[in-house]
Amino acid sequence: MVEAGVKTALAARVESLGGSDVKAGEPLAPLTSVRAGGAAEVLVRPRSPDALVALLKLAREEGLPVSVLGGGANTLVGDGGVPGLTLKLPGDLFPEVADVGAEEGRLTLGAGAAIVRLINVMRAHALVGAEFLAGIPGTLGGAVSMNAGTKNGEAFRVIEAVELATADGVGWLTKAEIPHAYRHSELPPGGVITRVRFALRKGDVVASKAVMDADLGYRKRTQPLSQPNFGSVFTNPPGDHAGRLIELAGLKGYSLGRAQVSPLHANWIVNLGGATARDVLGLVTFMQVRVLEQSGVDMKPEVKRLGDFL
């Protein structure tokens, strides 16, 4: 992996397209919530939809790997870094659109915007329906990709359509055209989420705020939000909770290197400071093995991996 700031042939090629901010060898750990991992070979922030399409065309023509980094939540970057292009869409790449009627409203926001932005715009237009997304870190594109949610709901409950960019251009898909399930969605290969349209309704904004405040209060009491982490490590098995199974296996507070199973919530891994991706991934694997031995449950990680793991 190249040193940060050292211009490479690939970075120069990307810069020649214009319309993007380009950095070679950019460390990615500070851009993830768990604060671990290596650097991007080339980190690119497109400044327009056309620039994004041009980047995807270049990648297709030259066989370059393309990775998308959203808000860095639920994402683990390998210590060996991320080869090719790492795309990070600015939160303000697209203008927000609000189409609000007497009883319902549709909000269209850029995929690079933080999830909390949807909550703020929803409240500003006296809309309700997406309360369960309040407090979830990351971007709206990430919420679509992993069908983010809580026990109270999931993103595709309020998603109406998703816009994707490919090497051939930009177009919309309706919710019905996107297979999705618990913490999962299947998007066309090579597509990058650019905008998301949400279908909400008019409602009691005061009651809506009370629900979100109560949920956020519960999170602060039960989740290690003050430490670097990537949220829930494993999806909940049918009819059970991953945290319960991990705690039953005696792993609450267990450490590997500088990565630790949170003493506050067993389905969270925290970075004690200086943890490597190797530490974190090793701990994830150890948790899987111990739970399988203890309870016979093969737990499925919901953390997205990017790049090369040493």
Protein backbone atom coordinates (compact mmCIF):
# COMPACT_ATOMS: atom_id res chain seq x y z
CA MET A 1 0.00 0.00 0.00
CA VAL A 2 1.29 3.43 -0.91
CA GLU A 3 2.10 6.09 1.65
CA ALA A 4 -0.53 8.72 2.35
CA GLY A 5 -0.29 11.67 0.00
CA VAL A 6 2.08 9.99 -2.45
CA LYS A 7 0.60 10.36 -5.93
CA THR A 8 0.42 7.07 -7.82
CA ALA A 9 -0.30 6.31 -11.45
CA LEU A 10 -3.81 5.21 -10.51
CA ALA A 11 -4.48 8.35 -8.47
CA ALA A 12 -3.22 10.49 -11.36
CA ARG A 13 -5.46 8.60 -13.78
CA VAL A 14 -8.48 9.19 -11.57
CA GLU A 15 -7.60 12.86 -11.13
CA SER A 16 -7.42 13.26 -14.90
CA LEU A 17 -11.14 12.49 -15.12
CA GLY A 18 -11.90 15.60 -13.08
CA GLY A 19 -14.88 16.19 -10.83
CA SER A 20 -13.58 14.30 -7.78
CA ASP A 21 -11.39 14.76 -4.74
CA VAL A 22 -8.66 12.12 -4.93
CA LYS A 23 -6.24 10.92 -2.23
CA ALA A 24 -3.71 8.10 -2.52
CA GLY A 25 -2.84 5.94 0.48
CA GLU A 26 -5.48 7.59 2.65
CA PRO A 27 -5.88 5.91 6.09
CA LEU A 28 -9.41 4.57 6.47
CA ALA A 29 -9.43 3.72 10.18
CA PRO A 30 -10.44 7.31 11.13
CA LEU A 31 -13.38 7.02 8.72
CA THR A 32 -14.80 3.93 10.43
CA SER A 33 -16.58 3.77 13.75
CA VAL A 34 -14.34 0.98 15.09
CA ARG A 35 -11.17 2.96 14.19
CA ALA A 36 -9.16 0.00 12.88
CA GLY A 37 -7.68 -1.14 9.58
CA GLY A 38 -5.43 0.04 6.77
CA ALA A 39 -5.49 2.59 3.98
CA ALA A 40 -7.22 3.02 0.63
CA GLU A 41 -5.05 2.63 -2.44
CA VAL A 42 -7.06 5.55 -3.81
CA LEU A 43 -9.89 7.26 -1.90
CA VAL A 44 -12.26 9.17 -4.18
CA ARG A 45 -15.02 11.60 -3.28
CA PRO A 46 -17.00 12.39 -6.47
CA ARG A 47 -18.43 15.89 -6.62
CA SER A 48 -21.22 15.11 -9.09
CA PRO A 49 -23.27 12.16 -10.37
CA ASP A 50 -21.50 12.43 -13.73
CA ALA A 51 -18.13 12.15 -12.00
CA LEU A 52 -19.33 9.02 -10.20
CA VAL A 53 -20.44 7.39 -13.46
CA ALA A 54 -17.08 8.29 -15.04
CA LEU A 55 -15.28 6.59 -12.15
CA LEU A 56 -17.36 3.45 -12.55
CA LYS A 57 -16.65 3.43 -16.29
CA LEU A 58 -12.93 3.69 -15.61
CA ALA A 59 -13.12 0.84 -13.12
CA ARG A 60 -14.96 -1.37 -15.61
CA GLU A 61 -12.58 -0.58 -18.47
CA GLU A 62 -9.44 -1.20 -16.43
CA GLY A 63 -10.72 -4.01 -14.22
CA LEU A 64 -10.29 -2.04 -11.01
CA PRO A 65 -11.90 -3.21 -7.79
CA VAL A 66 -14.41 -0.72 -6.39
CA SER A 67 -15.41 -0.47 -2.74
CA VAL A 68 -17.94 1.91 -1.22
CA LEU A 69 -17.38 3.35 2.24
CA GLY A 70 -20.41 4.98 3.78
CA GLY A 71 -20.37 6.27 7.33
CA GLY A 72 -17.97 3.51 8.37
CA ALA A 73 -20.43 1.91 10.80
CA ASN A 74 -20.68 -1.90 10.68
CA THR A 75 -17.52 -1.85 8.54
CA LEU A 76 -14.14 -3.46 9.16
CA VAL A 77 -11.24 -2.46 6.90
CA GLY A 78 -8.43 -5.01 6.52
CA ASP A 79 -4.98 -4.16 7.86
CA GLY A 80 -3.65 -4.69 4.32
CA GLY A 81 -5.76 -1.80 3.07
CA VAL A 82 -8.29 -1.60 0.24
CA PRO A 83 -7.02 -2.06 -3.34
CA GLY A 84 -8.35 -0.09 -6.29
CA LEU A 85 -10.91 2.65 -5.77
CA THR A 86 -12.66 3.36 -2.50
CA LEU A 87 -15.65 5.61 -3.10
CA LYS A 88 -17.08 7.87 -0.42
CA LEU A 89 -20.12 9.89 -1.46
CA PRO A 90 -20.39 13.34 0.14
CA GLY A 91 -23.53 13.87 2.17
CA ASP A 92 -24.49 16.90 0.11
CA LEU A 93 -23.85 15.38 -3.33
CA PHE A 94 -27.58 15.62 -4.09
CA PRO A 95 -30.20 18.21 -3.11
CA GLU A 96 -32.90 17.03 -0.72
CA VAL A 97 -36.42 16.78 -2.11
CA ALA A 98 -39.56 16.87 0.03
CA ASP A 99 -42.94 16.12 -1.56
CA VAL A 100 -45.37 16.52 1.32
CA GLY A 101 -49.16 16.36 1.11
CA ALA A 102 -51.96 16.58 3.63
CA GLU A 103 -51.61 12.99 4.87
CA GLU A 104 -48.29 11.65 3.59
CA GLY A 105 -44.90 12.70 2.36
CA ARG A 106 -41.98 11.47 0.31
CA LEU A 107 -38.45 12.49 1.17
CA THR A 108 -35.54 11.95 -1.22
CA LEU A 109 -32.04 12.23 0.20
CA GLY A 110 -28.53 11.42 -0.99
CA ALA A 111 -27.10 8.07 -0.04
CA GLY A 112 -24.06 9.73 1.51
CA ALA A 113 -26.18 11.63 4.03
CA ALA A 114 -26.19 10.41 7.62
CA ILE A 115 -29.24 8.47 8.79
CA VAL A 116 -29.88 11.18 11.36
CA ARG A 117 -30.45 13.60 8.48
CA LEU A 118 -33.55 11.64 7.49
CA ILE A 119 -34.84 11.89 11.06
CA ASN A 120 -34.27 15.66 11.13
CA VAL A 121 -35.95 16.26 7.76
CA MET A 122 -38.83 13.99 8.74
CA ARG A 123 -39.47 16.03 11.87
CA ALA A 124 -39.11 19.34 10.02
CA HIS A 125 -41.99 18.33 7.74
CA ALA A 126 -44.17 16.92 10.56
CA LEU A 127 -43.80 13.38 9.21
CA VAL A 128 -43.55 10.13 11.15
CA GLY A 129 -42.81 6.50 10.44
CA ALA A 130 -39.02 6.12 10.58
CA GLU A 131 -38.56 6.46 14.35
CA PHE A 132 -36.82 3.08 14.58
CA LEU A 133 -33.90 4.44 12.54
CA ALA A 134 -33.12 7.17 15.06
CA GLY A 135 -29.77 6.62 16.68
CA ILE A 136 -28.47 4.14 14.11
CA PRO A 137 -25.06 5.36 12.90
CA GLY A 138 -23.91 5.39 9.31
CA THR A 139 -25.34 6.67 6.05
CA LEU A 140 -28.61 6.17 4.22
CA GLY A 141 -26.82 4.15 1.54
CA GLY A 142 -25.53 1.82 4.23
CA ALA A 143 -29.01 1.56 5.71
CA VAL A 144 -30.29 0.37 2.33
CA SER A 145 -27.40 -2.02 1.76
CA MET A 146 -27.85 -3.85 5.06
CA ASN A 147 -31.56 -3.12 5.56
CA ALA A 148 -30.65 -1.47 8.85
CA GLY A 149 -33.07 -1.46 11.71
CA THR A 150 -33.92 -2.49 15.24
CA LYS A 151 -36.49 -4.75 16.86
CA ASN A 152 -39.03 -2.03 16.03
CA GLY A 153 -38.58 -1.99 12.26
CA GLU A 154 -36.21 -2.08 9.29
CA ALA A 155 -35.26 0.38 6.57
CA PHE A 156 -37.21 -1.23 3.76
CA ARG A 157 -40.43 -0.65 5.69
CA VAL A 158 -40.18 3.03 4.75
CA ILE A 159 -38.07 2.86 1.55
CA GLU A 160 -40.06 3.46 -1.63
CA ALA A 161 -37.27 3.49 -4.23
CA VAL A 162 -33.48 3.51 -4.56
CA GLU A 163 -31.38 5.23 -7.22
CA LEU A 164 -28.26 3.45 -8.43
CA ALA A 165 -25.29 4.57 -10.48
CA THR A 166 -23.48 2.11 -12.75
CA ALA A 167 -20.91 2.47 -15.51
CA ASP A 168 -23.87 2.88 -17.89
CA GLY A 169 -25.62 5.71 -16.05
CA VAL A 170 -28.07 6.38 -13.24
CA GLY A 171 -31.56 4.97 -12.69
CA TRP A 172 -34.20 4.16 -10.09
CA LEU A 173 -35.36 0.80 -8.73
CA THR A 174 -38.57 0.40 -6.75
CA LYS A 175 -38.60 -1.45 -3.45
CA ALA A 176 -40.34 -4.36 -5.17
CA GLU A 177 -37.37 -4.68 -7.55
CA ILE A 178 -34.85 -5.08 -4.73
CA PRO A 179 -34.87 -8.44 -2.93
CA HIS A 180 -34.40 -7.81 0.76
CA ALA A 181 -34.56 -9.63 4.08
CA TYR A 182 -33.40 -9.24 7.67
CA ARG A 183 -30.18 -7.14 7.60
CA HIS A 184 -29.71 -7.81 3.89
CA SER A 185 -30.57 -6.46 0.45
CA GLU A 186 -29.55 -7.65 -3.01
CA LEU A 187 -28.55 -4.81 -5.29
CA PRO A 188 -27.37 -5.22 -8.89
CA PRO A 189 -23.63 -6.01 -9.09
CA GLY A 190 -21.52 -2.94 -9.71
CA GLY A 191 -24.26 -0.53 -8.65
CA VAL A 192 -23.60 2.29 -6.21
CA ILE A 193 -26.53 3.69 -4.25
CA THR A 194 -26.86 7.41 -4.95
CA ARG A 195 -30.28 8.47 -3.61
CA VAL A 196 -33.05 6.97 -1.50
CA ARG A 197 -36.76 7.87 -1.50
CA PHE A 198 -38.73 7.31 1.69
CA ALA A 199 -42.52 7.08 2.00
CA LEU A 200 -43.72 8.52 5.32
CA ARG A 201 -46.96 9.87 6.73
CA LYS A 202 -48.25 12.84 8.67
CA GLY A 203 -48.65 12.13 12.35
CA ASP A 204 -48.15 13.11 15.96
CA VAL A 205 -44.67 14.65 15.98
CA VAL A 206 -44.62 15.03 19.77
CA ALA A 207 -45.37 11.33 20.27
CA SER A 208 -42.83 10.49 17.57
CA LYS A 209 -40.12 12.46 19.38
CA ALA A 210 -40.99 10.79 22.68
CA VAL A 211 -40.56 7.34 21.11
CA MET A 212 -37.17 8.29 19.65
CA ASP A 213 -35.97 9.91 22.88
CA ALA A 214 -36.93 6.79 24.86
CA ASP A 215 -35.14 4.54 22.38
CA LEU A 216 -32.01 6.69 22.40
CA GLY A 217 -32.00 6.72 26.19
CA TYR A 218 -32.20 2.93 26.24
CA ARG A 219 -29.29 2.69 23.79
CA LYS A 220 -27.11 4.96 25.89
CA ARG A 221 -27.76 2.80 28.96
CA THR A 222 -27.19 -0.56 27.27
CA GLN A 223 -24.65 0.02 24.47
CA PRO A 224 -20.99 1.19 24.61
CA LEU A 225 -21.56 4.28 22.50
CA SER A 226 -18.64 6.16 24.08
CA GLN A 227 -16.05 3.69 22.70
CA PRO A 228 -15.01 2.94 19.11
CA ASN A 229 -17.20 0.08 17.87
CA PHE A 230 -19.15 -1.04 14.82
CA GLY A 231 -22.48 -1.72 16.42
CA SER A 232 -23.97 -5.20 16.52
CA VAL A 233 -21.45 -7.80 15.42
CA PHE A 234 -23.89 -10.63 14.64
CA THR A 235 -27.44 -10.79 13.39
CA ASN A 236 -29.92 -12.23 15.86
CA PRO A 237 -30.63 -15.92 15.20
CA PRO A 238 -34.34 -16.72 14.68
CA GLY A 239 -36.12 -16.60 18.01
CA ASP A 240 -33.04 -15.64 20.00
CA HIS A 241 -30.55 -12.84 20.65
CA ALA A 242 -26.88 -12.94 19.69
CA GLY A 243 -25.91 -11.04 22.84
CA ARG A 244 -27.54 -13.63 25.07
CA LEU A 245 -25.71 -16.48 23.34
CA ILE A 246 -22.34 -14.71 23.56
CA GLU A 247 -22.85 -13.97 27.23
CA LEU A 248 -23.91 -17.58 27.83
CA ALA A 249 -20.60 -18.64 26.26
CA GLY A 250 -18.79 -16.61 28.94
CA LEU A 251 -17.33 -14.05 26.54
CA LYS A 252 -18.66 -10.78 27.91
CA GLY A 253 -15.59 -8.64 28.57
CA TYR A 254 -13.24 -11.08 26.80
CA SER A 255 -10.32 -9.44 24.95
CA LEU A 256 -8.08 -10.36 22.06
CA GLY A 257 -5.24 -7.91 21.54
CA ARG A 258 -6.84 -4.49 21.89
CA ALA A 259 -10.31 -5.63 20.81
CA GLN A 260 -12.84 -6.50 23.49
CA VAL A 261 -16.32 -7.99 23.74
CA SER A 262 -18.09 -5.11 25.43
CA PRO A 263 -18.83 -5.65 29.14
CA LEU A 264 -21.97 -3.58 28.57
CA HIS A 265 -23.41 -5.45 25.56
CA ALA A 266 -22.00 -8.82 24.49
CA ASN A 267 -22.92 -8.40 20.82
CA TRP A 268 -20.66 -5.37 20.50
CA ILE A 269 -16.90 -5.32 20.04
CA VAL A 270 -15.05 -2.21 21.21
CA ASN A 271 -11.60 -0.93 20.34
CA LEU A 272 -9.68 -0.35 23.56
CA GLY A 273 -7.19 1.80 21.65
CA GLY A 274 -4.81 0.59 18.98
CA ALA A 275 -6.76 -2.51 17.97
CA THR A 276 -5.92 -3.94 14.55
CA ALA A 277 -8.37 -5.46 12.13
CA ARG A 278 -6.60 -8.75 12.86
CA ASP A 279 -7.53 -8.36 16.56
CA VAL A 280 -11.13 -7.60 15.72
CA LEU A 281 -11.60 -10.33 13.12
CA GLY A 282 -9.88 -12.86 15.36
CA LEU A 283 -12.29 -11.99 18.15
CA VAL A 284 -15.29 -12.27 15.82
CA THR A 285 -14.16 -15.75 14.75
CA PHE A 286 -13.50 -16.82 18.34
CA MET A 287 -16.99 -15.69 19.36
CA GLN A 288 -18.52 -17.73 16.53
CA VAL A 289 -16.61 -20.86 17.53
CA ARG A 290 -17.43 -20.57 21.23
CA VAL A 291 -21.14 -19.97 20.66
CA LEU A 292 -21.31 -22.88 18.21
CA GLU A 293 -19.67 -25.13 20.79
CA GLN A 294 -21.84 -23.85 23.65
CA SER A 295 -25.24 -23.49 22.00
CA GLY A 296 -25.00 -25.15 18.59
CA VAL A 297 -25.84 -21.87 16.85
CA ASP A 298 -23.77 -20.74 13.85
CA MET A 299 -23.94 -16.98 14.21
CA LYS A 300 -23.80 -14.77 11.11
CA PRO A 301 -21.75 -11.57 11.22
CA GLU A 302 -23.49 -8.46 9.97
CA VAL A 303 -20.23 -6.52 9.76
CA LYS A 304 -19.10 -5.64 6.22
CA ARG A 305 -15.46 -6.40 5.44
CA LEU A 306 -13.45 -4.22 3.07
CA GLY A 307 -9.98 -4.87 1.66
CA ASP A 308 -7.17 -7.26 2.45
CA PHE A 309 -6.91 -9.04 5.80
CA LEU A 310 -3.42 -10.10 6.82
